[in-house]
Each structure stands twice: as C-alpha cells, then as structure tokens.
Amino acid sequence: MADAQDKAFPVSWDQFHRDCRALAWRLNGVGPFRAMVTITRGGLVPAAIVARELGVRIIETVCISSYDAENRKGELKLLKPIRPDVIGDGGEGVLVVDDLVDSGATARMVREILPKAHFATVYAKPAGRPMVDTFVTEVSQDTWIYFPWDTGLAFQPPISRSGL
C-alpha cells in the first residue's frame, strides 16, 4: 500500500478505458499478435479492452503473486504458468499485457519465459520502464496508482491540505 510520502494517482473507469484504448492504438501498428498473455490480476481488465480493439482471440494468463495478504511486497511466486503452446518459440507473435510496471520484477520474470514477446502496460514507473516495449503514461516511482477496481467514491481533501 502507499506510504504517507507517496503521491496518489486515482484513475477512474472512464480514464482507464481511454488509456487502454490508447494503448491498443499504439499496439495496432506493432502486431498482428497470434496470442495475448495477461498478468493476473491487474492485467485482466486492460487485456479485455486491448484484445477487443486488436481482435486478439487467444488470451492466456500467467499468475504471479508479488504481494502478501497485507499488501506488502514480497517474493515473487509463479502461481500458474503459461501454456506451452502459447509460449511457442519464446513468445514470438505474443503480446503481454499488464496494468502497470513498477519495479520491473514481475515483468522480468515473464520476459524470462517469453523473451521474444512484445510487453505492453498502461502505466510505467521509471524502475520498470526498461522492461516494457509499449506503454501509455509514465508516473513517478513514488506515485501509488489507485485503480478503479480498488476504490470507491469518497471525499478527497484538496491537495494543498494533504501534505504532498
């Protein structure tokens, strides 16, 4: 979870949908892609939008856990691997989609499995940015992105009173 000194970047459903469509627009000239691999759980929503926009029908998941039950970063655990037929020749023609690249640790693990795949995220932080081929928005490393599926409507104090 975010620390007090972190910057908050709340993203609405509308904004996230626009950003995912912008990602698909950028990827349209890169493909075609024979399959997509999405990193769960954060990559599921952008993968659905990007797959629709690009006409990708084969969508596989790779399940990696990097947070413990208390939302603290921990050791990476591969919970579900990618099907061998999707891996193919190192991921040639495969698009990997995630919501965010932060430290780059998860992306690095997937790149080891799919070194020839094209890696795309909606948002990228500087530490993980080198692991991504295509992204829409870069945010500072100390920014915590609040995705729409993690939030509800609530009063927000003005930035000038939040201590940031």
Protein backbone atom coordinates (compact mmCIF):
# COMPACT_ATOMS: atom_id res chain seq x y z
CA MET A 1 0.00 0.00 0.00
CA ALA A 2 1.06 3.61 -0.39
CA ASP A 3 3.18 5.32 2.23
CA ALA A 4 2.29 8.77 3.52
CA GLN A 5 5.00 10.37 1.37
CA ASP A 6 3.74 8.69 -1.80
CA LYS A 7 1.75 10.63 -4.38
CA ALA A 8 -1.77 9.41 -5.08
CA PHE A 9 -2.88 8.94 -8.69
CA PRO A 10 -6.54 7.88 -8.69
CA VAL A 11 -7.75 6.53 -12.03
CA SER A 12 -11.47 6.44 -12.89
CA TRP A 13 -13.10 3.74 -15.00
CA ASP A 14 -13.53 6.24 -17.84
CA GLN A 15 -9.89 7.30 -17.74
CA PHE A 16 -8.66 3.73 -17.54
CA HIS A 17 -10.79 2.74 -20.52
CA ARG A 18 -9.43 5.68 -22.54
CA ASP A 19 -5.85 4.79 -21.55
CA CYS A 20 -6.37 1.14 -22.55
CA ARG A 21 -7.76 2.19 -25.92
CA ALA A 22 -4.75 4.49 -26.36
CA LEU A 23 -2.51 1.50 -25.63
CA ALA A 24 -4.37 -0.56 -28.24
CA TRP A 25 -3.99 2.28 -30.74
CA ARG A 26 -0.21 2.28 -30.20
CA LEU A 27 -0.06 -1.52 -30.47
CA ASN A 28 -2.13 -1.68 -33.65
CA GLY A 29 0.90 -0.93 -35.82
CA VAL A 30 3.14 -3.37 -33.92
CA GLY A 31 1.12 -6.58 -34.44
CA PRO A 32 -0.53 -8.66 -35.57
CA PHE A 33 -0.36 -10.81 -32.48
CA ARG A 34 -1.18 -14.53 -32.56
CA ALA A 35 -1.96 -14.58 -28.83
CA MET A 36 -2.03 -12.45 -25.73
CA VAL A 37 -0.75 -13.26 -22.26
CA THR A 38 -2.08 -11.19 -19.42
CA ILE A 39 -0.51 -10.97 -16.00
CA THR A 40 -3.14 -11.51 -13.33
CA ARG A 41 -4.80 -9.90 -11.71
CA GLY A 42 -4.06 -6.33 -12.75
CA GLY A 43 -3.67 -7.17 -16.43
CA LEU A 44 -7.12 -8.74 -16.83
CA VAL A 45 -9.08 -5.53 -17.40
CA PRO A 46 -6.67 -3.90 -19.86
CA ALA A 47 -6.27 -7.24 -21.66
CA ALA A 48 -10.01 -7.46 -22.30
CA ILE A 49 -10.07 -3.95 -23.76
CA VAL A 50 -6.89 -4.36 -25.84
CA ALA A 51 -7.96 -7.81 -27.11
CA ARG A 52 -11.28 -6.38 -28.28
CA GLU A 53 -9.62 -3.45 -30.04
CA LEU A 54 -6.96 -5.57 -31.75
CA GLY A 55 -9.14 -8.61 -32.49
CA VAL A 56 -6.98 -10.99 -30.45
CA ARG A 57 -8.90 -14.18 -29.61
CA ILE A 58 -6.33 -16.35 -27.84
CA ILE A 59 -5.85 -14.95 -24.35
CA GLU A 60 -3.77 -16.80 -21.79
CA THR A 61 -2.96 -15.85 -18.22
CA VAL A 62 0.17 -16.07 -16.17
CA CYS A 63 -0.48 -15.80 -12.45
CA ILE A 64 2.27 -14.23 -10.39
CA SER A 65 1.94 -13.04 -6.83
CA SER A 66 4.20 -10.27 -5.54
CA TYR A 67 2.17 -9.08 -2.56
CA ASP A 68 1.36 -10.89 0.67
CA ALA A 69 -2.02 -10.93 2.43
CA GLU A 70 -1.31 -7.49 3.95
CA ASN A 71 -0.44 -5.92 0.57
CA ARG A 72 3.28 -5.80 1.32
CA LYS A 73 5.73 -6.52 -1.48
CA GLY A 74 7.19 -9.96 -1.07
CA GLU A 75 8.92 -12.69 -3.00
CA LEU A 76 7.58 -13.41 -6.50
CA LYS A 77 5.63 -16.64 -6.77
CA LEU A 78 4.56 -18.23 -10.05
CA LEU A 79 1.06 -19.47 -9.23
CA LYS A 80 0.05 -20.56 -12.77
CA PRO A 81 2.42 -20.91 -15.73
CA ILE A 82 1.73 -20.11 -19.37
CA ARG A 83 0.52 -22.97 -21.58
CA PRO A 84 3.43 -24.42 -23.61
CA ASP A 85 1.59 -23.99 -26.94
CA VAL A 86 1.32 -20.22 -26.28
CA ILE A 87 4.99 -19.94 -25.35
CA GLY A 88 5.95 -21.49 -28.69
CA ASP A 89 9.20 -20.01 -29.98
CA GLY A 90 9.98 -17.84 -26.96
CA GLY A 91 6.80 -15.83 -27.39
CA GLU A 92 7.26 -14.74 -31.00
CA GLY A 93 4.00 -13.00 -32.00
CA VAL A 94 2.72 -12.85 -28.42
CA LEU A 95 1.56 -9.67 -26.71
CA VAL A 96 1.99 -9.50 -22.92
CA VAL A 97 -0.35 -7.04 -21.19
CA ASP A 98 -0.35 -5.71 -17.64
CA ASP A 99 -1.82 -2.66 -15.94
CA LEU A 100 1.45 -1.33 -14.56
CA VAL A 101 5.16 -1.97 -14.46
CA ASP A 102 6.55 -0.78 -11.13
CA SER A 103 9.91 -2.23 -10.09
CA GLY A 104 10.05 -4.46 -13.15
CA ALA A 105 10.41 -7.69 -11.14
CA THR A 106 7.20 -9.29 -12.44
CA ALA A 107 7.93 -8.18 -16.00
CA ARG A 108 11.45 -9.61 -15.73
CA MET A 109 10.04 -12.99 -14.67
CA VAL A 110 7.64 -13.04 -17.64
CA ARG A 111 10.38 -11.90 -20.05
CA GLU A 112 12.48 -14.89 -18.99
CA ILE A 113 9.60 -17.13 -20.11
CA LEU A 114 8.71 -15.10 -23.24
CA PRO A 115 11.88 -13.29 -24.36
CA LYS A 116 10.53 -12.57 -27.87
CA ALA A 117 7.11 -11.29 -26.78
CA HIS A 118 6.04 -7.66 -27.01
CA PHE A 119 5.42 -6.31 -23.48
CA ALA A 120 2.82 -3.56 -23.01
CA THR A 121 1.46 -1.81 -19.93
CA VAL A 122 -0.95 1.04 -19.44
CA TYR A 123 1.27 2.76 -16.85
CA ALA A 124 5.02 2.60 -16.28
CA LYS A 125 7.29 3.73 -13.46
CA PRO A 126 10.96 4.57 -14.13
CA ALA A 127 12.43 1.49 -12.40
CA GLY A 128 10.38 -0.89 -14.53
CA ARG A 129 10.25 1.16 -17.71
CA PRO A 130 13.18 -0.67 -19.42
CA MET A 131 11.18 -3.93 -19.26
CA VAL A 132 8.29 -2.52 -21.34
CA ASP A 133 8.11 -2.10 -25.11
CA THR A 134 4.92 -0.01 -25.21
CA PHE A 135 3.08 2.00 -22.54
CA VAL A 136 0.75 4.99 -22.34
CA THR A 137 1.65 7.04 -19.27
CA GLU A 138 4.78 7.22 -17.14
CA VAL A 139 4.33 8.12 -13.47
CA SER A 140 6.99 8.84 -10.86
CA GLN A 141 8.34 5.96 -8.80
CA ASP A 142 6.82 7.38 -5.61
CA THR A 143 3.31 7.52 -7.08
CA TRP A 144 0.71 5.00 -5.96
CA ILE A 145 -1.89 4.32 -8.65
CA TYR A 146 -5.37 3.71 -7.31
CA PHE A 147 -7.12 1.62 -9.95
CA PRO A 148 -10.91 1.87 -10.28
CA TRP A 149 -11.45 -1.73 -9.15
CA ASP A 150 -9.62 -0.97 -5.89
CA THR A 151 -11.54 2.17 -4.95
CA GLY A 152 -14.98 3.57 -4.23
CA LEU A 153 -16.35 7.07 -4.31
CA ALA A 154 -15.25 9.07 -1.29
CA PHE A 155 -14.41 12.63 -0.35
CA GLN A 156 -10.87 13.69 -1.26
CA PRO A 157 -9.24 16.58 0.61
CA PRO A 158 -7.63 19.29 -1.53
CA ILE A 159 -4.03 18.54 -2.49
CA SER A 160 -2.83 21.62 -0.59
CA ARG A 161 -4.13 20.09 2.67
CA SER A 162 -2.87 16.55 2.09
CA GLY A 163 0.77 17.25 2.92
CA LEU A 164 2.04 16.19 -0.52
